[in-house]
Amino acid sequence: MVKSERDLSIPSPIRDENSKIYFDAASEGRLMIKHCTTCNVYAAPVERYCGKCLTELQWEKASGKGKVFNWTIIHQAAHPGFMNETPYVIGTIELEENVRIFAKIPDVNPEELHIGMEVNAEFKRWPNGEYLPVFVRSK
């Protein structure tokens, strides 16, 4: 089905062969990142090769714990599907594994956000059934 320019549905992540492990784990409440077994460094899920030694990266379960590195408050939706969600917070989360990922930080008063705020991954189901991590304040 071709979507019209006026489609107000929230755009959903698209699963492909490269992201299958990531989405399968997310649907089970696990956050996966990439790991270089040669250099013992971690990388974001989108990376395929180690930036240091070019070894092919392997999937590994992350702790799901991190700290807010920075954030922005979205006031104007970049897609019509997000119009009813504004304002919302998108942040860079530095995971315990020393890799940064981008994610939504829901249900937080922007005035309470601060660099170094401890957060944990939770998983939100999107309209197409896929799950993605969001990060909430640690309790």
N, C-alpha and C. Protein backbone atom coordinates (compact mmCIF):
# COMPACT_ATOMS: atom_id res chain seq x y z
N MET A 1 0.83 -1.18 0.00
CA MET A 1 0.00 0.00 0.00
C MET A 1 0.88 1.25 0.00
N VAL A 2 0.61 2.18 -0.88
CA VAL A 2 1.36 3.42 -0.96
C VAL A 2 0.70 4.43 -0.04
N LYS A 3 1.50 5.07 0.79
CA LYS A 3 0.96 6.07 1.71
C LYS A 3 0.87 7.41 1.02
N SER A 4 -0.17 8.14 1.32
CA SER A 4 -0.31 9.48 0.76
C SER A 4 0.49 10.46 1.59
N GLU A 5 0.68 11.66 1.05
CA GLU A 5 1.42 12.69 1.79
C GLU A 5 0.67 13.12 3.04
N ARG A 6 -0.62 12.86 3.11
CA ARG A 6 -1.43 13.26 4.25
C ARG A 6 -1.63 12.14 5.26
N ASP A 7 -0.90 11.07 5.11
CA ASP A 7 -1.01 9.95 6.03
C ASP A 7 -0.55 10.39 7.41
N LEU A 8 -1.42 10.26 8.39
CA LEU A 8 -1.10 10.72 9.74
C LEU A 8 -0.67 9.60 10.67
N SER A 9 -0.42 8.41 10.14
CA SER A 9 0.04 7.33 11.00
C SER A 9 1.51 7.53 11.36
N ILE A 10 1.86 7.03 12.53
CA ILE A 10 3.24 7.15 12.99
C ILE A 10 4.11 6.23 12.14
N PRO A 11 5.20 6.75 11.58
CA PRO A 11 6.08 5.88 10.80
C PRO A 11 6.72 4.83 11.71
N SER A 12 6.79 3.63 11.22
CA SER A 12 7.30 2.53 12.03
C SER A 12 8.68 2.10 11.56
N PRO A 13 9.46 1.53 12.47
CA PRO A 13 10.75 0.99 12.08
C PRO A 13 10.55 -0.17 11.11
N ILE A 14 11.51 -0.37 10.24
CA ILE A 14 11.41 -1.43 9.25
C ILE A 14 12.43 -2.51 9.56
N ARG A 15 11.95 -3.72 9.70
CA ARG A 15 12.79 -4.88 9.96
C ARG A 15 13.38 -5.35 8.63
N ASP A 16 14.66 -5.66 8.66
CA ASP A 16 15.31 -6.30 7.51
C ASP A 16 16.24 -7.38 8.04
N GLU A 17 16.95 -8.04 7.17
CA GLU A 17 17.82 -9.14 7.59
C GLU A 17 18.89 -8.67 8.58
N ASN A 18 19.40 -7.45 8.40
CA ASN A 18 20.44 -6.92 9.29
C ASN A 18 19.92 -6.52 10.67
N SER A 19 18.64 -6.22 10.77
CA SER A 19 18.09 -5.76 12.05
C SER A 19 17.25 -6.82 12.75
N LYS A 20 17.11 -7.99 12.18
CA LYS A 20 16.26 -9.04 12.73
C LYS A 20 16.61 -9.37 14.18
N ILE A 21 17.88 -9.57 14.48
CA ILE A 21 18.30 -9.91 15.84
C ILE A 21 17.91 -8.79 16.81
N TYR A 22 18.12 -7.55 16.39
CA TYR A 22 17.80 -6.39 17.23
C TYR A 22 16.31 -6.36 17.58
N PHE A 23 15.45 -6.48 16.56
CA PHE A 23 14.02 -6.41 16.78
C PHE A 23 13.49 -7.64 17.52
N ASP A 24 14.02 -8.82 17.24
CA ASP A 24 13.60 -10.01 17.97
C ASP A 24 13.89 -9.85 19.46
N ALA A 25 15.08 -9.36 19.78
CA ALA A 25 15.46 -9.16 21.18
C ALA A 25 14.60 -8.07 21.83
N ALA A 26 14.37 -6.98 21.12
CA ALA A 26 13.56 -5.89 21.67
C ALA A 26 12.15 -6.37 22.01
N SER A 27 11.59 -7.26 21.19
CA SER A 27 10.25 -7.78 21.46
C SER A 27 10.24 -8.63 22.73
N GLU A 28 11.41 -9.07 23.16
CA GLU A 28 11.55 -9.85 24.40
C GLU A 28 12.08 -9.00 25.55
N GLY A 29 12.20 -7.67 25.34
CA GLY A 29 12.66 -6.78 26.39
C GLY A 29 14.16 -6.75 26.59
N ARG A 30 14.91 -7.09 25.53
CA ARG A 30 16.37 -7.07 25.62
C ARG A 30 16.93 -6.07 24.62
N LEU A 31 17.92 -5.29 25.05
CA LEU A 31 18.59 -4.32 24.20
C LEU A 31 19.88 -4.93 23.67
N MET A 32 20.02 -4.97 22.35
CA MET A 32 21.22 -5.54 21.73
C MET A 32 22.08 -4.43 21.13
N ILE A 33 23.39 -4.58 21.28
CA ILE A 33 24.36 -3.69 20.65
C ILE A 33 25.40 -4.56 19.97
N LYS A 34 26.34 -3.93 19.29
CA LYS A 34 27.38 -4.68 18.60
C LYS A 34 28.66 -4.67 19.42
N HIS A 35 29.45 -5.76 19.27
CA HIS A 35 30.67 -5.92 20.04
C HIS A 35 31.77 -6.46 19.14
N CYS A 36 32.98 -5.89 19.29
CA CYS A 36 34.15 -6.39 18.57
C CYS A 36 34.89 -7.35 19.49
N THR A 37 34.97 -8.61 19.07
CA THR A 37 35.63 -9.61 19.89
C THR A 37 37.16 -9.49 19.82
N THR A 38 37.66 -8.75 18.84
CA THR A 38 39.10 -8.54 18.71
C THR A 38 39.57 -7.40 19.62
N CYS A 39 38.89 -6.25 19.54
CA CYS A 39 39.28 -5.06 20.31
C CYS A 39 38.55 -4.92 21.64
N ASN A 40 37.50 -5.72 21.83
CA ASN A 40 36.66 -5.63 23.02
C ASN A 40 36.02 -4.25 23.18
N VAL A 41 35.58 -3.67 22.06
CA VAL A 41 34.86 -2.41 22.10
C VAL A 41 33.43 -2.66 21.64
N TYR A 42 32.53 -1.78 22.06
CA TYR A 42 31.13 -1.88 21.70
C TYR A 42 30.79 -0.81 20.68
N ALA A 43 29.75 -1.07 19.91
CA ALA A 43 29.33 -0.13 18.88
C ALA A 43 27.81 -0.10 18.82
N ALA A 44 27.29 0.93 18.19
CA ALA A 44 25.85 1.07 18.02
C ALA A 44 25.31 -0.06 17.16
N PRO A 45 24.02 -0.38 17.32
CA PRO A 45 23.43 -1.48 16.56
C PRO A 45 23.53 -1.34 15.04
N VAL A 46 23.64 -0.14 14.53
CA VAL A 46 23.68 0.05 13.07
C VAL A 46 25.04 -0.26 12.46
N GLU A 47 26.09 -0.32 13.28
CA GLU A 47 27.43 -0.58 12.77
C GLU A 47 27.58 -2.05 12.36
N ARG A 48 28.38 -2.27 11.33
CA ARG A 48 28.61 -3.65 10.89
C ARG A 48 30.05 -4.09 11.18
N TYR A 49 31.00 -3.14 11.07
CA TYR A 49 32.41 -3.45 11.28
C TYR A 49 33.00 -2.55 12.35
N CYS A 50 33.99 -3.06 13.06
CA CYS A 50 34.69 -2.30 14.09
C CYS A 50 35.40 -1.12 13.44
N GLY A 51 35.22 0.06 14.01
CA GLY A 51 35.88 1.26 13.49
C GLY A 51 37.37 1.29 13.78
N LYS A 52 37.85 0.39 14.64
CA LYS A 52 39.25 0.36 15.02
C LYS A 52 40.04 -0.67 14.21
N CYS A 53 39.48 -1.89 14.07
CA CYS A 53 40.25 -2.97 13.41
C CYS A 53 39.54 -3.58 12.20
N LEU A 54 38.32 -3.14 11.92
CA LEU A 54 37.51 -3.60 10.78
C LEU A 54 37.03 -5.04 10.89
N THR A 55 37.09 -5.62 12.09
CA THR A 55 36.52 -6.94 12.32
C THR A 55 35.00 -6.83 12.26
N GLU A 56 34.35 -7.85 11.72
CA GLU A 56 32.89 -7.85 11.71
C GLU A 56 32.39 -7.94 13.15
N LEU A 57 31.47 -7.06 13.50
CA LEU A 57 30.94 -6.99 14.86
C LEU A 57 29.91 -8.08 15.12
N GLN A 58 29.80 -8.48 16.38
CA GLN A 58 28.86 -9.51 16.81
C GLN A 58 27.79 -8.87 17.70
N TRP A 59 26.58 -9.39 17.65
CA TRP A 59 25.52 -8.92 18.54
C TRP A 59 25.78 -9.39 19.97
N GLU A 60 25.48 -8.50 20.93
CA GLU A 60 25.61 -8.85 22.34
C GLU A 60 24.55 -8.11 23.13
N LYS A 61 24.04 -8.73 24.16
CA LYS A 61 23.03 -8.10 25.01
C LYS A 61 23.67 -6.99 25.82
N ALA A 62 23.04 -5.83 25.81
CA ALA A 62 23.50 -4.69 26.61
C ALA A 62 22.79 -4.71 27.96
N SER A 63 23.34 -3.99 28.89
CA SER A 63 22.76 -3.92 30.24
C SER A 63 21.42 -3.20 30.23
N GLY A 64 21.25 -2.27 29.29
CA GLY A 64 20.04 -1.45 29.27
C GLY A 64 20.12 -0.28 30.22
N LYS A 65 21.26 -0.11 30.87
CA LYS A 65 21.46 1.01 31.81
C LYS A 65 22.37 2.03 31.17
N GLY A 66 22.07 3.30 31.44
CA GLY A 66 22.91 4.34 30.88
C GLY A 66 22.68 5.67 31.56
N LYS A 67 23.28 6.69 30.97
CA LYS A 67 23.14 8.07 31.47
C LYS A 67 22.84 8.98 30.29
N VAL A 68 22.07 10.01 30.57
CA VAL A 68 21.77 11.00 29.54
C VAL A 68 23.05 11.77 29.22
N PHE A 69 23.41 11.76 27.95
CA PHE A 69 24.59 12.49 27.49
C PHE A 69 24.18 13.88 27.00
N ASN A 70 23.10 13.95 26.25
CA ASN A 70 22.50 15.21 25.84
C ASN A 70 21.08 14.94 25.37
N TRP A 71 20.34 15.98 25.06
CA TRP A 71 18.96 15.80 24.63
C TRP A 71 18.48 17.03 23.88
N THR A 72 17.36 16.86 23.20
CA THR A 72 16.67 17.97 22.57
C THR A 72 15.18 17.75 22.76
N ILE A 73 14.45 18.84 22.82
CA ILE A 73 13.00 18.78 22.95
C ILE A 73 12.41 19.08 21.58
N ILE A 74 11.63 18.16 21.07
CA ILE A 74 11.01 18.32 19.77
C ILE A 74 9.66 19.02 19.96
N HIS A 75 9.55 20.21 19.40
CA HIS A 75 8.31 20.99 19.51
C HIS A 75 7.50 20.94 18.22
N GLN A 76 8.19 20.70 17.11
CA GLN A 76 7.51 20.66 15.82
C GLN A 76 7.77 19.30 15.18
N ALA A 77 6.71 18.59 14.90
CA ALA A 77 6.83 17.24 14.37
C ALA A 77 7.44 17.27 12.97
N ALA A 78 8.42 16.40 12.75
CA ALA A 78 9.03 16.28 11.42
C ALA A 78 8.18 15.42 10.51
N HIS A 79 7.22 14.71 11.08
CA HIS A 79 6.31 13.86 10.32
C HIS A 79 4.91 14.05 10.91
N PRO A 80 3.89 14.12 10.07
CA PRO A 80 2.53 14.35 10.60
C PRO A 80 2.09 13.32 11.64
N GLY A 81 2.62 12.11 11.59
CA GLY A 81 2.24 11.09 12.55
C GLY A 81 2.63 11.42 13.98
N PHE A 82 3.58 12.35 14.15
CA PHE A 82 4.03 12.72 15.50
C PHE A 82 3.40 14.01 16.02
N MET A 83 2.46 14.58 15.26
CA MET A 83 1.87 15.86 15.66
C MET A 83 1.24 15.81 17.05
N ASN A 84 0.60 14.71 17.39
CA ASN A 84 -0.06 14.61 18.70
C ASN A 84 0.91 14.23 19.81
N GLU A 85 2.16 14.01 19.49
CA GLU A 85 3.15 13.60 20.49
C GLU A 85 4.00 14.77 20.98
N THR A 86 4.00 15.89 20.27
CA THR A 86 4.86 17.00 20.64
C THR A 86 4.30 17.71 21.87
N PRO A 87 5.15 18.29 22.70
CA PRO A 87 6.60 18.15 22.65
C PRO A 87 7.04 16.81 23.22
N TYR A 88 8.17 16.32 22.73
CA TYR A 88 8.75 15.10 23.26
C TYR A 88 10.27 15.24 23.28
N VAL A 89 10.91 14.39 24.06
CA VAL A 89 12.35 14.48 24.27
C VAL A 89 13.04 13.31 23.57
N ILE A 90 14.06 13.64 22.78
CA ILE A 90 14.95 12.65 22.18
C ILE A 90 16.33 12.90 22.80
N GLY A 91 16.97 11.83 23.23
CA GLY A 91 18.27 12.00 23.86
C GLY A 91 19.33 11.06 23.34
N THR A 92 20.56 11.45 23.60
CA THR A 92 21.69 10.55 23.38
C THR A 92 21.95 9.90 24.72
N ILE A 93 21.90 8.58 24.73
CA ILE A 93 22.11 7.82 25.96
C ILE A 93 23.47 7.13 25.87
N GLU A 94 24.30 7.36 26.87
CA GLU A 94 25.58 6.67 26.94
C GLU A 94 25.39 5.43 27.81
N LEU A 95 25.42 4.28 27.15
CA LEU A 95 25.21 3.02 27.86
C LEU A 95 26.41 2.67 28.72
N GLU A 96 26.20 1.80 29.70
CA GLU A 96 27.30 1.32 30.55
C GLU A 96 28.44 0.73 29.73
N GLU A 97 28.11 0.21 28.54
CA GLU A 97 29.11 -0.41 27.68
C GLU A 97 29.94 0.62 26.91
N ASN A 98 29.73 1.91 27.21
CA ASN A 98 30.49 3.00 26.60
C ASN A 98 30.19 3.16 25.11
N VAL A 99 28.93 3.02 24.77
CA VAL A 99 28.46 3.30 23.42
C VAL A 99 27.23 4.19 23.55
N ARG A 100 27.04 5.09 22.61
CA ARG A 100 25.92 6.02 22.66
C ARG A 100 24.88 5.64 21.62
N ILE A 101 23.62 5.71 22.05
CA ILE A 101 22.51 5.48 21.13
C ILE A 101 21.47 6.59 21.32
N PHE A 102 20.65 6.81 20.31
CA PHE A 102 19.59 7.81 20.36
C PHE A 102 18.28 7.12 20.70
N ALA A 103 17.50 7.76 21.56
CA ALA A 103 16.21 7.18 21.92
C ALA A 103 15.32 8.25 22.51
N LYS A 104 14.04 7.95 22.52
CA LYS A 104 13.06 8.82 23.14
C LYS A 104 13.18 8.68 24.66
N ILE A 105 12.99 9.78 25.37
CA ILE A 105 12.96 9.79 26.84
C ILE A 105 11.56 10.27 27.22
N PRO A 106 10.62 9.33 27.38
CA PRO A 106 9.23 9.72 27.63
C PRO A 106 8.96 10.04 29.09
N ASP A 107 7.83 10.69 29.31
CA ASP A 107 7.31 10.91 30.67
C ASP A 107 8.31 11.57 31.61
N VAL A 108 9.03 12.55 31.08
CA VAL A 108 9.96 13.28 31.93
C VAL A 108 9.72 14.78 31.73
N ASN A 109 9.73 15.50 32.83
CA ASN A 109 9.63 16.96 32.76
C ASN A 109 10.98 17.47 32.25
N PRO A 110 11.02 18.17 31.11
CA PRO A 110 12.31 18.63 30.57
C PRO A 110 13.14 19.44 31.56
N GLU A 111 12.49 20.12 32.50
CA GLU A 111 13.23 20.89 33.50
C GLU A 111 13.99 19.99 34.47
N GLU A 112 13.60 18.72 34.55
CA GLU A 112 14.27 17.79 35.45
C GLU A 112 15.42 17.04 34.77
N LEU A 113 15.51 17.16 33.46
CA LEU A 113 16.59 16.48 32.74
C LEU A 113 17.93 17.10 33.09
N HIS A 114 18.95 16.28 33.17
CA HIS A 114 20.30 16.79 33.36
C HIS A 114 21.30 15.78 32.80
N ILE A 115 22.44 16.29 32.38
CA ILE A 115 23.50 15.43 31.88
C ILE A 115 23.92 14.51 33.02
N GLY A 116 24.03 13.24 32.72
CA GLY A 116 24.40 12.26 33.73
C GLY A 116 23.22 11.61 34.43
N MET A 117 21.99 12.05 34.11
CA MET A 117 20.81 11.44 34.72
C MET A 117 20.77 9.96 34.37
N GLU A 118 20.62 9.10 35.37
CA GLU A 118 20.61 7.66 35.14
C GLU A 118 19.27 7.23 34.57
N VAL A 119 19.35 6.40 33.53
CA VAL A 119 18.15 5.92 32.84
C VAL A 119 18.26 4.42 32.56
N ASN A 120 17.11 3.80 32.35
CA ASN A 120 17.04 2.37 32.01
C ASN A 120 16.17 2.20 30.76
N ALA A 121 16.51 1.20 29.98
CA ALA A 121 15.74 0.90 28.77
C ALA A 121 14.42 0.22 29.13
N GLU A 122 13.38 0.66 28.47
CA GLU A 122 12.10 -0.02 28.43
C GLU A 122 11.74 -0.11 26.96
N PHE A 123 10.74 -0.89 26.62
CA PHE A 123 10.44 -1.10 25.21
C PHE A 123 9.01 -0.71 24.89
N LYS A 124 8.89 0.10 23.82
CA LYS A 124 7.60 0.60 23.38
C LYS A 124 7.22 -0.10 22.08
N ARG A 125 5.98 -0.54 22.03
CA ARG A 125 5.48 -1.19 20.81
C ARG A 125 4.97 -0.14 19.83
N TRP A 126 5.44 -0.22 18.60
CA TRP A 126 5.03 0.69 17.54
C TRP A 126 3.81 0.13 16.82
N PRO A 127 3.13 0.96 16.03
CA PRO A 127 1.92 0.51 15.34
C PRO A 127 2.11 -0.73 14.46
N ASN A 128 3.30 -0.94 13.91
CA ASN A 128 3.49 -2.11 13.05
C ASN A 128 3.87 -3.36 13.86
N GLY A 129 3.88 -3.24 15.19
CA GLY A 129 4.16 -4.39 16.04
C GLY A 129 5.60 -4.52 16.50
N GLU A 130 6.51 -3.75 15.90
CA GLU A 130 7.91 -3.80 16.32
C GLU A 130 8.07 -3.04 17.64
N TYR A 131 9.11 -3.39 18.38
CA TYR A 131 9.43 -2.72 19.64
C TYR A 131 10.73 -1.94 19.50
N LEU A 132 10.79 -0.79 20.14
CA LEU A 132 12.01 0.02 20.18
C LEU A 132 12.26 0.46 21.61
N PRO A 133 13.54 0.63 21.96
CA PRO A 133 13.82 1.08 23.31
C PRO A 133 13.50 2.56 23.51
N VAL A 134 12.99 2.87 24.69
CA VAL A 134 12.90 4.23 25.19
C VAL A 134 13.63 4.19 26.52
N PHE A 135 14.04 5.33 27.02
CA PHE A 135 14.79 5.33 28.28
C PHE A 135 14.04 6.15 29.32
N VAL A 136 13.87 5.56 30.49
CA VAL A 136 13.15 6.19 31.58
C VAL A 136 14.11 6.39 32.77
N ARG A 137 13.77 7.37 33.58
CA ARG A 137 14.60 7.66 34.75
C ARG A 137 14.73 6.43 35.63
N SER A 138 15.95 6.16 36.09
CA SER A 138 16.18 5.03 37.01
C SER A 138 15.47 5.29 38.32
N LYS A 139 14.98 4.23 38.90
CA LYS A 139 14.26 4.37 40.18
C LYS A 139 15.16 4.09 41.35
